[in-house]
Amino acid sequence: MRTTYAIVLSAFLAAPAMAQVIIQTPNPDASFHEQRAAQDRAAARAEHQEARERAAVGDYQGAAEAQRDARRDWHAANRQDEHAERDSSGAVIIGR
């Protein structure tokens, strides 16, 4: 009777652990996305500085355009970060 109880208890405890299969593979694209994100951030900083300089001399339309470009580059950097995060995990989860 104790052996049956022990087997049932161990099967019950092991069942949640076996409900999921995780496969991890390295993905070389993650480093590419990280590099691209760094480039986009550098471009965004440069364009932001350009916007400040243009605003300082009174070129408000040029400043707005440079600020818009900086914002676009910042969003692109965030997207690249998301791609890098997705590619670096490399996990495929099956189950649950």
N, C-alpha and C. Protein backbone atom coordinates (compact mmCIF):
# COMPACT_ATOMS: atom_id res chain seq x y z
N MET A 1 0.83 -1.20 0.00
CA MET A 1 0.00 0.00 0.00
C MET A 1 0.87 1.26 0.00
N ARG A 2 1.96 1.23 0.79
CA ARG A 2 2.84 2.41 0.82
C ARG A 2 3.52 2.63 -0.52
N THR A 3 3.86 1.59 -1.20
CA THR A 3 4.52 1.73 -2.49
C THR A 3 3.58 2.36 -3.52
N THR A 4 2.33 1.94 -3.50
CA THR A 4 1.35 2.53 -4.42
C THR A 4 1.16 4.01 -4.10
N TYR A 5 1.07 4.33 -2.84
CA TYR A 5 0.92 5.73 -2.43
C TYR A 5 2.12 6.56 -2.87
N ALA A 6 3.32 6.03 -2.72
CA ALA A 6 4.54 6.73 -3.11
C ALA A 6 4.59 6.95 -4.62
N ILE A 7 4.17 5.96 -5.39
CA ILE A 7 4.18 6.08 -6.86
C ILE A 7 3.16 7.12 -7.31
N VAL A 8 1.96 7.08 -6.73
CA VAL A 8 0.93 8.06 -7.09
C VAL A 8 1.36 9.46 -6.72
N LEU A 9 1.95 9.64 -5.55
CA LEU A 9 2.42 10.95 -5.11
C LEU A 9 3.53 11.46 -6.01
N SER A 10 4.48 10.61 -6.37
CA SER A 10 5.57 11.06 -7.25
C SER A 10 5.06 11.40 -8.64
N ALA A 11 4.09 10.65 -9.15
CA ALA A 11 3.51 10.95 -10.46
C ALA A 11 2.75 12.27 -10.41
N PHE A 12 2.05 12.50 -9.32
CA PHE A 12 1.30 13.76 -9.17
C PHE A 12 2.25 14.96 -9.10
N LEU A 13 3.35 14.82 -8.41
CA LEU A 13 4.31 15.91 -8.29
C LEU A 13 5.10 16.13 -9.58
N ALA A 14 5.32 15.09 -10.36
CA ALA A 14 6.10 15.21 -11.60
C ALA A 14 5.25 15.72 -12.76
N ALA A 15 3.94 15.59 -12.69
CA ALA A 15 3.07 15.97 -13.81
C ALA A 15 3.21 17.44 -14.20
N PRO A 16 3.21 18.42 -13.27
CA PRO A 16 3.35 19.81 -13.70
C PRO A 16 4.70 20.09 -14.35
N ALA A 17 5.74 19.40 -13.95
CA ALA A 17 7.06 19.62 -14.52
C ALA A 17 7.13 19.11 -15.95
N MET A 18 6.34 18.14 -16.30
CA MET A 18 6.37 17.58 -17.63
C MET A 18 5.35 18.22 -18.56
N ALA A 19 4.64 19.21 -18.12
CA ALA A 19 3.60 19.82 -18.93
C ALA A 19 4.14 20.79 -19.96
N GLN A 20 5.44 21.03 -19.94
CA GLN A 20 5.99 22.06 -20.80
C GLN A 20 7.33 21.58 -21.36
N VAL A 21 7.56 21.84 -22.64
CA VAL A 21 8.84 21.51 -23.27
C VAL A 21 9.47 22.81 -23.75
N ILE A 22 10.70 23.06 -23.36
CA ILE A 22 11.38 24.28 -23.76
C ILE A 22 12.61 23.89 -24.57
N ILE A 23 12.71 24.44 -25.77
CA ILE A 23 13.85 24.18 -26.64
C ILE A 23 14.56 25.50 -26.84
N GLN A 24 15.85 25.54 -26.53
CA GLN A 24 16.61 26.78 -26.70
C GLN A 24 17.70 26.57 -27.74
N THR A 25 17.76 27.51 -28.66
CA THR A 25 18.81 27.49 -29.66
C THR A 25 19.41 28.89 -29.74
N PRO A 26 20.71 29.01 -29.87
CA PRO A 26 21.31 30.34 -29.98
C PRO A 26 20.95 30.97 -31.32
N ASN A 27 20.75 32.26 -31.33
CA ASN A 27 20.39 32.97 -32.54
C ASN A 27 21.37 34.11 -32.75
N PRO A 28 22.14 34.08 -33.83
CA PRO A 28 23.14 35.12 -34.06
C PRO A 28 22.54 36.48 -34.42
N ASP A 29 21.26 36.54 -34.71
CA ASP A 29 20.63 37.81 -35.08
C ASP A 29 20.50 38.75 -33.90
N ALA A 30 20.55 38.26 -32.69
CA ALA A 30 20.38 39.09 -31.51
C ALA A 30 21.48 40.15 -31.44
N SER A 31 22.71 39.78 -31.71
CA SER A 31 23.80 40.75 -31.66
C SER A 31 23.66 41.80 -32.76
N PHE A 32 23.16 41.39 -33.91
CA PHE A 32 22.91 42.35 -34.99
C PHE A 32 21.87 43.38 -34.56
N HIS A 33 20.79 42.93 -33.92
CA HIS A 33 19.75 43.85 -33.48
C HIS A 33 20.26 44.78 -32.38
N GLU A 34 21.09 44.26 -31.48
CA GLU A 34 21.65 45.11 -30.43
C GLU A 34 22.56 46.20 -31.01
N GLN A 35 23.36 45.82 -32.01
CA GLN A 35 24.24 46.79 -32.67
C GLN A 35 23.40 47.85 -33.38
N ARG A 36 22.37 47.41 -34.06
CA ARG A 36 21.50 48.35 -34.79
C ARG A 36 20.80 49.30 -33.82
N ALA A 37 20.37 48.80 -32.66
CA ALA A 37 19.73 49.64 -31.65
C ALA A 37 20.70 50.69 -31.14
N ALA A 38 21.96 50.31 -30.93
CA ALA A 38 22.96 51.28 -30.47
C ALA A 38 23.18 52.37 -31.52
N GLN A 39 23.20 51.98 -32.79
CA GLN A 39 23.36 52.96 -33.87
C GLN A 39 22.17 53.91 -33.92
N ASP A 40 20.98 53.36 -33.79
CA ASP A 40 19.77 54.21 -33.82
C ASP A 40 19.75 55.17 -32.64
N ARG A 41 20.18 54.71 -31.47
CA ARG A 41 20.23 55.60 -30.30
C ARG A 41 21.24 56.72 -30.49
N ALA A 42 22.40 56.39 -31.07
CA ALA A 42 23.42 57.41 -31.33
C ALA A 42 22.89 58.45 -32.32
N ALA A 43 22.19 57.99 -33.34
CA ALA A 43 21.60 58.92 -34.31
C ALA A 43 20.54 59.79 -33.65
N ALA A 44 19.75 59.20 -32.77
CA ALA A 44 18.71 59.95 -32.07
C ALA A 44 19.33 61.03 -31.19
N ARG A 45 20.42 60.71 -30.49
CA ARG A 45 21.08 61.72 -29.65
C ARG A 45 21.64 62.86 -30.48
N ALA A 46 22.25 62.51 -31.63
CA ALA A 46 22.81 63.54 -32.51
C ALA A 46 21.72 64.44 -33.05
N GLU A 47 20.60 63.87 -33.46
CA GLU A 47 19.50 64.67 -34.00
C GLU A 47 18.84 65.51 -32.92
N HIS A 48 18.80 65.00 -31.71
CA HIS A 48 18.25 65.78 -30.60
C HIS A 48 19.15 66.99 -30.33
N GLN A 49 20.46 66.77 -30.36
CA GLN A 49 21.39 67.89 -30.18
C GLN A 49 21.25 68.90 -31.31
N GLU A 50 21.07 68.40 -32.52
CA GLU A 50 20.87 69.30 -33.67
C GLU A 50 19.60 70.12 -33.48
N ALA A 51 18.56 69.50 -32.97
CA ALA A 51 17.31 70.22 -32.72
C ALA A 51 17.51 71.33 -31.70
N ARG A 52 18.26 71.06 -30.66
CA ARG A 52 18.55 72.11 -29.67
C ARG A 52 19.33 73.26 -30.27
N GLU A 53 20.33 72.92 -31.09
CA GLU A 53 21.14 73.96 -31.71
C GLU A 53 20.31 74.82 -32.67
N ARG A 54 19.45 74.17 -33.44
CA ARG A 54 18.60 74.93 -34.37
C ARG A 54 17.62 75.83 -33.62
N ALA A 55 17.07 75.31 -32.53
CA ALA A 55 16.14 76.12 -31.74
C ALA A 55 16.86 77.30 -31.11
N ALA A 56 18.12 77.13 -30.74
CA ALA A 56 18.89 78.21 -30.11
C ALA A 56 19.12 79.38 -31.05
N VAL A 57 19.21 79.09 -32.35
CA VAL A 57 19.43 80.17 -33.32
C VAL A 57 18.14 80.65 -33.96
N GLY A 58 17.00 80.09 -33.54
CA GLY A 58 15.71 80.57 -34.02
C GLY A 58 15.12 79.78 -35.17
N ASP A 59 15.76 78.70 -35.60
CA ASP A 59 15.22 77.87 -36.69
C ASP A 59 14.29 76.83 -36.09
N TYR A 60 13.08 77.26 -35.76
CA TYR A 60 12.15 76.38 -35.05
C TYR A 60 11.58 75.28 -35.94
N GLN A 61 11.40 75.57 -37.20
CA GLN A 61 10.90 74.54 -38.11
C GLN A 61 11.96 73.44 -38.30
N GLY A 62 13.20 73.84 -38.47
CA GLY A 62 14.29 72.86 -38.58
C GLY A 62 14.46 72.08 -37.28
N ALA A 63 14.27 72.76 -36.15
CA ALA A 63 14.38 72.09 -34.86
C ALA A 63 13.28 71.04 -34.70
N ALA A 64 12.08 71.39 -35.14
CA ALA A 64 10.97 70.44 -35.04
C ALA A 64 11.22 69.22 -35.93
N GLU A 65 11.78 69.46 -37.11
CA GLU A 65 12.08 68.36 -38.02
C GLU A 65 13.17 67.46 -37.44
N ALA A 66 14.20 68.05 -36.88
CA ALA A 66 15.27 67.26 -36.27
C ALA A 66 14.75 66.48 -35.06
N GLN A 67 13.87 67.10 -34.29
CA GLN A 67 13.30 66.41 -33.13
C GLN A 67 12.42 65.24 -33.57
N ARG A 68 11.69 65.43 -34.67
CA ARG A 68 10.86 64.35 -35.21
C ARG A 68 11.74 63.18 -35.67
N ASP A 69 12.87 63.50 -36.33
CA ASP A 69 13.79 62.45 -36.76
C ASP A 69 14.40 61.73 -35.56
N ALA A 70 14.71 62.49 -34.52
CA ALA A 70 15.27 61.89 -33.31
C ALA A 70 14.27 60.93 -32.68
N ARG A 71 13.02 61.32 -32.63
CA ARG A 71 11.98 60.47 -32.05
C ARG A 71 11.81 59.19 -32.88
N ARG A 72 11.88 59.35 -34.21
CA ARG A 72 11.75 58.19 -35.10
C ARG A 72 12.91 57.20 -34.86
N ASP A 73 14.12 57.74 -34.71
CA ASP A 73 15.27 56.87 -34.45
C ASP A 73 15.17 56.21 -33.08
N TRP A 74 14.65 56.93 -32.11
CA TRP A 74 14.51 56.36 -30.77
C TRP A 74 13.52 55.19 -30.79
N HIS A 75 12.42 55.35 -31.52
CA HIS A 75 11.44 54.26 -31.65
C HIS A 75 12.06 53.08 -32.39
N ALA A 76 12.86 53.37 -33.41
CA ALA A 76 13.52 52.28 -34.14
C ALA A 76 14.48 51.53 -33.23
N ALA A 77 15.17 52.25 -32.36
CA ALA A 77 16.08 51.60 -31.41
C ALA A 77 15.30 50.70 -30.45
N ASN A 78 14.15 51.16 -30.00
CA ASN A 78 13.32 50.33 -29.11
C ASN A 78 12.83 49.08 -29.82
N ARG A 79 12.45 49.22 -31.09
CA ARG A 79 12.02 48.04 -31.85
C ARG A 79 13.18 47.05 -32.00
N GLN A 80 14.38 47.56 -32.26
CA GLN A 80 15.53 46.67 -32.40
C GLN A 80 15.82 45.97 -31.07
N ASP A 81 15.64 46.68 -29.96
CA ASP A 81 15.81 46.04 -28.65
C ASP A 81 14.82 44.91 -28.46
N GLU A 82 13.59 45.13 -28.88
CA GLU A 82 12.57 44.07 -28.77
C GLU A 82 12.94 42.87 -29.63
N HIS A 83 13.43 43.13 -30.85
CA HIS A 83 13.85 42.03 -31.72
C HIS A 83 15.04 41.27 -31.11
N ALA A 84 15.97 42.02 -30.53
CA ALA A 84 17.14 41.38 -29.91
C ALA A 84 16.70 40.52 -28.72
N GLU A 85 15.78 41.02 -27.94
CA GLU A 85 15.29 40.26 -26.79
C GLU A 85 14.59 38.98 -27.25
N ARG A 86 13.80 39.11 -28.29
CA ARG A 86 13.10 37.94 -28.82
C ARG A 86 14.09 36.92 -29.38
N ASP A 87 15.10 37.40 -30.12
CA ASP A 87 16.05 36.49 -30.74
C ASP A 87 17.03 35.89 -29.73
N SER A 88 17.33 36.63 -28.68
CA SER A 88 18.30 36.11 -27.72
C SER A 88 17.71 35.02 -26.84
N SER A 89 16.39 35.06 -26.63
CA SER A 89 15.79 34.03 -25.78
C SER A 89 15.85 32.69 -26.50
N GLY A 90 15.53 32.66 -27.76
CA GLY A 90 15.62 31.44 -28.54
C GLY A 90 14.80 30.29 -28.00
N ALA A 91 13.83 30.57 -27.18
CA ALA A 91 13.06 29.51 -26.54
C ALA A 91 11.75 29.27 -27.28
N VAL A 92 11.47 28.02 -27.49
CA VAL A 92 10.18 27.63 -28.04
C VAL A 92 9.47 26.86 -26.95
N ILE A 93 8.33 27.34 -26.54
CA ILE A 93 7.60 26.71 -25.44
C ILE A 93 6.39 25.98 -26.02
N ILE A 94 6.32 24.71 -25.74
CA ILE A 94 5.20 23.88 -26.22
C ILE A 94 4.47 23.35 -25.00
N GLY A 95 3.18 23.53 -24.99
CA GLY A 95 2.40 22.99 -23.87
C GLY A 95 1.70 24.08 -23.10
N ARG A 96 1.06 23.65 -22.02
CA ARG A 96 0.29 24.52 -21.13
C ARG A 96 -0.88 25.06 -21.85
